[in-house]
Amino acid sequence: MLNEPPYRGSIPSMPPTDPLIYRFYELVMVYGTTFKELIQEEFGDGIMSAIDFNMDMAREADNKGDRVKLTMSGKFLPYKYYGNDDDTPEYGLKET
């Protein structure tokens, strides 16, 4: 399965019934708005790409039980504003 390209719609039911996949679903349901606000505070209005995307996984030893460390890296895609006025930037990039 790891050699096959991923595709949307691979989860047969929503909410997911597989316990591990459900935890990812739960992360987005609980922290999704926080993730969004943190990304847009740092980069401006836009989204993180799920196509131009990398993920690393590592095991972290812990005396209470090993932990899973996931690092996600997606290209930032700023929103493009059409018909913008003088007060609205053309793109949602944060001014630095």
N, C-alpha and C. Protein backbone atom coordinates (compact mmCIF):
# COMPACT_ATOMS: atom_id res chain seq x y z
N MET A 1 0.81 -1.20 0.00
CA MET A 1 0.00 0.00 0.00
C MET A 1 0.86 1.27 0.00
N LEU A 2 2.03 1.24 0.63
CA LEU A 2 2.86 2.43 0.69
C LEU A 2 3.44 2.82 -0.66
N ASN A 3 3.45 1.90 -1.62
CA ASN A 3 3.96 2.21 -2.96
C ASN A 3 2.87 2.72 -3.89
N GLU A 4 1.62 2.71 -3.45
CA GLU A 4 0.52 3.19 -4.27
C GLU A 4 0.28 4.68 -3.99
N PRO A 5 -0.09 5.43 -5.04
CA PRO A 5 -0.37 6.85 -4.80
C PRO A 5 -1.63 7.01 -3.96
N PRO A 6 -1.62 7.99 -3.04
CA PRO A 6 -2.83 8.22 -2.25
C PRO A 6 -3.92 8.86 -3.09
N TYR A 7 -5.15 8.64 -2.71
CA TYR A 7 -6.25 9.27 -3.43
C TYR A 7 -7.35 9.65 -2.45
N ARG A 8 -8.06 10.69 -2.81
CA ARG A 8 -9.16 11.17 -1.98
C ARG A 8 -10.30 10.16 -2.03
N GLY A 9 -10.95 9.99 -0.91
CA GLY A 9 -12.09 9.08 -0.86
C GLY A 9 -11.71 7.67 -0.46
N SER A 10 -10.53 7.48 0.13
CA SER A 10 -10.11 6.14 0.50
C SER A 10 -10.75 5.65 1.79
N ILE A 11 -11.41 6.54 2.53
CA ILE A 11 -12.08 6.15 3.77
C ILE A 11 -13.53 5.83 3.41
N PRO A 12 -13.98 4.60 3.67
CA PRO A 12 -15.31 4.19 3.21
C PRO A 12 -16.47 4.85 3.92
N SER A 13 -16.30 5.29 5.17
CA SER A 13 -17.43 5.91 5.87
C SER A 13 -16.95 7.08 6.71
N MET A 14 -17.84 8.03 6.92
CA MET A 14 -17.54 9.18 7.76
C MET A 14 -18.58 9.25 8.86
N PRO A 15 -18.21 9.44 10.09
CA PRO A 15 -16.83 9.52 10.54
C PRO A 15 -16.14 8.17 10.41
N PRO A 16 -14.82 8.18 10.33
CA PRO A 16 -14.08 6.92 10.16
C PRO A 16 -14.33 5.97 11.33
N THR A 17 -14.33 4.69 11.04
CA THR A 17 -14.53 3.70 12.10
C THR A 17 -13.22 3.07 12.55
N ASP A 18 -12.17 3.19 11.77
CA ASP A 18 -10.85 2.70 12.18
C ASP A 18 -10.35 3.60 13.31
N PRO A 19 -9.93 3.05 14.45
CA PRO A 19 -9.55 3.89 15.59
C PRO A 19 -8.41 4.87 15.31
N LEU A 20 -7.39 4.46 14.58
CA LEU A 20 -6.27 5.36 14.30
C LEU A 20 -6.69 6.49 13.36
N ILE A 21 -7.41 6.15 12.30
CA ILE A 21 -7.86 7.17 11.36
C ILE A 21 -8.86 8.11 12.05
N TYR A 22 -9.67 7.57 12.96
CA TYR A 22 -10.61 8.42 13.69
C TYR A 22 -9.87 9.47 14.51
N ARG A 23 -8.70 9.12 15.07
CA ARG A 23 -7.94 10.09 15.87
C ARG A 23 -7.46 11.26 15.01
N PHE A 24 -7.09 11.00 13.77
CA PHE A 24 -6.74 12.10 12.86
C PHE A 24 -7.96 12.97 12.59
N TYR A 25 -9.09 12.33 12.35
CA TYR A 25 -10.35 13.05 12.14
C TYR A 25 -10.67 13.91 13.36
N GLU A 26 -10.48 13.33 14.55
CA GLU A 26 -10.74 14.04 15.80
C GLU A 26 -9.80 15.24 15.97
N LEU A 27 -8.53 15.07 15.59
CA LEU A 27 -7.58 16.19 15.64
C LEU A 27 -8.08 17.38 14.83
N VAL A 28 -8.55 17.11 13.63
CA VAL A 28 -9.03 18.19 12.76
C VAL A 28 -10.33 18.78 13.32
N MET A 29 -11.21 17.94 13.83
CA MET A 29 -12.47 18.44 14.37
C MET A 29 -12.24 19.32 15.61
N VAL A 30 -11.26 18.97 16.44
CA VAL A 30 -11.01 19.72 17.66
C VAL A 30 -10.08 20.90 17.42
N TYR A 31 -8.99 20.67 16.67
CA TYR A 31 -7.95 21.69 16.52
C TYR A 31 -7.91 22.35 15.15
N GLY A 32 -8.80 21.99 14.25
CA GLY A 32 -8.77 22.53 12.89
C GLY A 32 -8.82 24.04 12.84
N THR A 33 -9.70 24.65 13.60
CA THR A 33 -9.79 26.11 13.57
C THR A 33 -8.54 26.75 14.18
N THR A 34 -7.94 26.10 15.16
CA THR A 34 -6.70 26.60 15.75
C THR A 34 -5.57 26.52 14.74
N PHE A 35 -5.45 25.37 14.05
CA PHE A 35 -4.43 25.23 13.00
C PHE A 35 -4.59 26.34 11.97
N LYS A 36 -5.83 26.56 11.54
CA LYS A 36 -6.10 27.59 10.53
C LYS A 36 -5.66 28.97 11.01
N GLU A 37 -6.05 29.34 12.22
CA GLU A 37 -5.70 30.66 12.75
C GLU A 37 -4.19 30.83 12.89
N LEU A 38 -3.50 29.79 13.36
CA LEU A 38 -2.05 29.89 13.51
C LEU A 38 -1.34 30.03 12.16
N ILE A 39 -1.79 29.27 11.16
CA ILE A 39 -1.19 29.36 9.83
C ILE A 39 -1.44 30.74 9.23
N GLN A 40 -2.68 31.23 9.33
CA GLN A 40 -2.99 32.52 8.73
C GLN A 40 -2.38 33.68 9.50
N GLU A 41 -2.14 33.51 10.80
CA GLU A 41 -1.45 34.55 11.57
C GLU A 41 0.00 34.66 11.10
N GLU A 42 0.61 33.54 10.78
CA GLU A 42 2.02 33.52 10.38
C GLU A 42 2.21 33.90 8.90
N PHE A 43 1.31 33.42 8.02
CA PHE A 43 1.51 33.57 6.59
C PHE A 43 0.55 34.53 5.90
N GLY A 44 -0.60 34.79 6.50
CA GLY A 44 -1.64 35.58 5.87
C GLY A 44 -2.79 34.68 5.45
N ASP A 45 -3.74 35.24 4.72
CA ASP A 45 -4.92 34.47 4.29
C ASP A 45 -4.52 33.49 3.20
N GLY A 46 -4.83 32.22 3.41
CA GLY A 46 -4.51 31.20 2.43
C GLY A 46 -4.66 29.82 3.04
N ILE A 47 -4.12 28.83 2.34
CA ILE A 47 -4.23 27.44 2.78
C ILE A 47 -2.88 26.74 2.68
N MET A 48 -2.79 25.59 3.32
CA MET A 48 -1.62 24.73 3.18
C MET A 48 -1.97 23.66 2.14
N SER A 49 -1.10 23.51 1.15
CA SER A 49 -1.34 22.55 0.09
C SER A 49 -1.31 21.12 0.62
N ALA A 50 -2.23 20.30 0.13
CA ALA A 50 -2.20 18.87 0.41
C ALA A 50 -1.64 18.12 -0.79
N ILE A 51 -1.28 18.84 -1.85
CA ILE A 51 -0.69 18.23 -3.03
C ILE A 51 0.82 18.38 -2.98
N ASP A 52 1.30 19.61 -2.77
CA ASP A 52 2.74 19.86 -2.61
C ASP A 52 3.01 19.71 -1.11
N PHE A 53 3.15 18.46 -0.66
CA PHE A 53 3.08 18.13 0.75
C PHE A 53 4.08 17.03 1.09
N ASN A 54 4.75 17.16 2.22
CA ASN A 54 5.64 16.13 2.74
C ASN A 54 5.26 15.85 4.19
N MET A 55 5.52 14.62 4.60
CA MET A 55 5.29 14.26 5.99
C MET A 55 6.41 13.34 6.44
N ASP A 56 6.90 13.57 7.65
CA ASP A 56 7.88 12.70 8.27
C ASP A 56 7.27 12.13 9.53
N MET A 57 7.62 10.88 9.83
CA MET A 57 7.15 10.23 11.04
C MET A 57 8.35 9.70 11.80
N ALA A 58 8.33 9.85 13.11
CA ALA A 58 9.41 9.34 13.94
C ALA A 58 8.85 8.82 15.26
N ARG A 59 9.58 7.89 15.84
CA ARG A 59 9.24 7.39 17.16
C ARG A 59 10.01 8.20 18.18
N GLU A 60 9.32 8.67 19.21
CA GLU A 60 9.97 9.36 20.32
C GLU A 60 9.84 8.50 21.57
N ALA A 61 10.99 8.09 22.10
CA ALA A 61 10.97 7.27 23.32
C ALA A 61 10.46 8.11 24.49
N ASP A 62 9.62 7.50 25.31
CA ASP A 62 9.07 8.17 26.48
C ASP A 62 8.85 7.10 27.53
N ASN A 63 9.23 7.38 28.78
CA ASN A 63 9.08 6.36 29.82
C ASN A 63 7.62 6.05 30.14
N LYS A 64 6.69 6.89 29.72
CA LYS A 64 5.26 6.62 29.90
C LYS A 64 4.67 5.88 28.72
N GLY A 65 5.49 5.61 27.70
CA GLY A 65 5.04 4.95 26.47
C GLY A 65 5.52 5.75 25.28
N ASP A 66 6.01 5.06 24.26
CA ASP A 66 6.54 5.76 23.09
C ASP A 66 5.48 6.67 22.47
N ARG A 67 5.97 7.73 21.84
CA ARG A 67 5.10 8.72 21.22
C ARG A 67 5.33 8.73 19.71
N VAL A 68 4.31 9.11 18.97
CA VAL A 68 4.39 9.26 17.53
C VAL A 68 4.61 10.74 17.23
N LYS A 69 5.66 11.04 16.46
CA LYS A 69 5.92 12.43 16.08
C LYS A 69 5.70 12.56 14.58
N LEU A 70 4.74 13.38 14.20
CA LEU A 70 4.45 13.65 12.80
C LEU A 70 4.85 15.08 12.49
N THR A 71 5.59 15.26 11.40
CA THR A 71 5.94 16.59 10.93
C THR A 71 5.35 16.75 9.54
N MET A 72 4.44 17.70 9.39
CA MET A 72 3.80 17.93 8.09
C MET A 72 4.34 19.23 7.50
N SER A 73 4.60 19.20 6.21
CA SER A 73 5.11 20.38 5.51
C SER A 73 4.36 20.52 4.19
N GLY A 74 3.55 21.56 4.10
CA GLY A 74 2.79 21.81 2.88
C GLY A 74 3.07 23.22 2.38
N LYS A 75 3.11 23.36 1.09
CA LYS A 75 3.34 24.69 0.50
C LYS A 75 2.19 25.62 0.88
N PHE A 76 2.52 26.86 1.24
CA PHE A 76 1.48 27.85 1.54
C PHE A 76 0.96 28.43 0.23
N LEU A 77 -0.35 28.43 0.08
CA LEU A 77 -1.00 28.97 -1.11
C LEU A 77 -1.87 30.15 -0.68
N PRO A 78 -1.43 31.38 -0.97
CA PRO A 78 -2.22 32.54 -0.54
C PRO A 78 -3.51 32.65 -1.36
N TYR A 79 -4.55 33.16 -0.70
CA TYR A 79 -5.79 33.44 -1.42
C TYR A 79 -5.53 34.57 -2.41
N LYS A 80 -6.14 34.47 -3.58
CA LYS A 80 -6.09 35.54 -4.57
C LYS A 80 -7.42 36.27 -4.49
N TYR A 81 -7.34 37.59 -4.33
CA TYR A 81 -8.55 38.41 -4.23
C TYR A 81 -8.83 39.06 -5.58
N TYR A 82 -10.03 38.88 -6.08
CA TYR A 82 -10.44 39.46 -7.35
C TYR A 82 -11.31 40.67 -7.08
N GLY A 83 -11.15 41.70 -7.89
CA GLY A 83 -11.95 42.91 -7.72
C GLY A 83 -11.61 43.63 -6.44
N ASN A 84 -10.34 43.54 -6.04
CA ASN A 84 -9.96 44.16 -4.78
C ASN A 84 -9.91 45.68 -4.91
N ASP A 85 -10.15 46.33 -3.78
CA ASP A 85 -10.07 47.78 -3.75
C ASP A 85 -8.68 48.19 -3.24
N ASP A 86 -8.47 49.46 -3.00
CA ASP A 86 -7.16 49.95 -2.58
C ASP A 86 -6.73 49.41 -1.23
N ASP A 87 -7.68 49.03 -0.38
CA ASP A 87 -7.35 48.56 0.97
C ASP A 87 -7.13 47.05 1.05
N THR A 88 -7.40 46.34 -0.04
CA THR A 88 -7.28 44.89 -0.04
C THR A 88 -6.11 44.47 -0.90
N PRO A 89 -5.19 43.64 -0.35
CA PRO A 89 -4.05 43.20 -1.17
C PRO A 89 -4.51 42.24 -2.26
N GLU A 90 -3.74 42.11 -3.32
CA GLU A 90 -4.09 41.21 -4.40
C GLU A 90 -4.03 39.76 -3.93
N TYR A 91 -3.03 39.46 -3.10
CA TYR A 91 -2.88 38.11 -2.54
C TYR A 91 -2.94 38.19 -1.03
N GLY A 92 -3.19 37.05 -0.38
CA GLY A 92 -3.30 37.00 1.06
C GLY A 92 -1.99 36.83 1.79
N LEU A 93 -0.86 37.21 1.17
CA LEU A 93 0.42 37.07 1.84
C LEU A 93 0.58 38.10 2.94
N LYS A 94 1.21 37.66 4.04
CA LYS A 94 1.45 38.56 5.15
C LYS A 94 2.63 39.47 4.82
N GLU A 95 2.46 40.75 5.09
CA GLU A 95 3.57 41.69 4.89
C GLU A 95 4.59 41.48 5.98
N THR A 96 5.87 41.38 5.61
CA THR A 96 6.90 41.15 6.63
C THR A 96 7.75 42.39 6.82
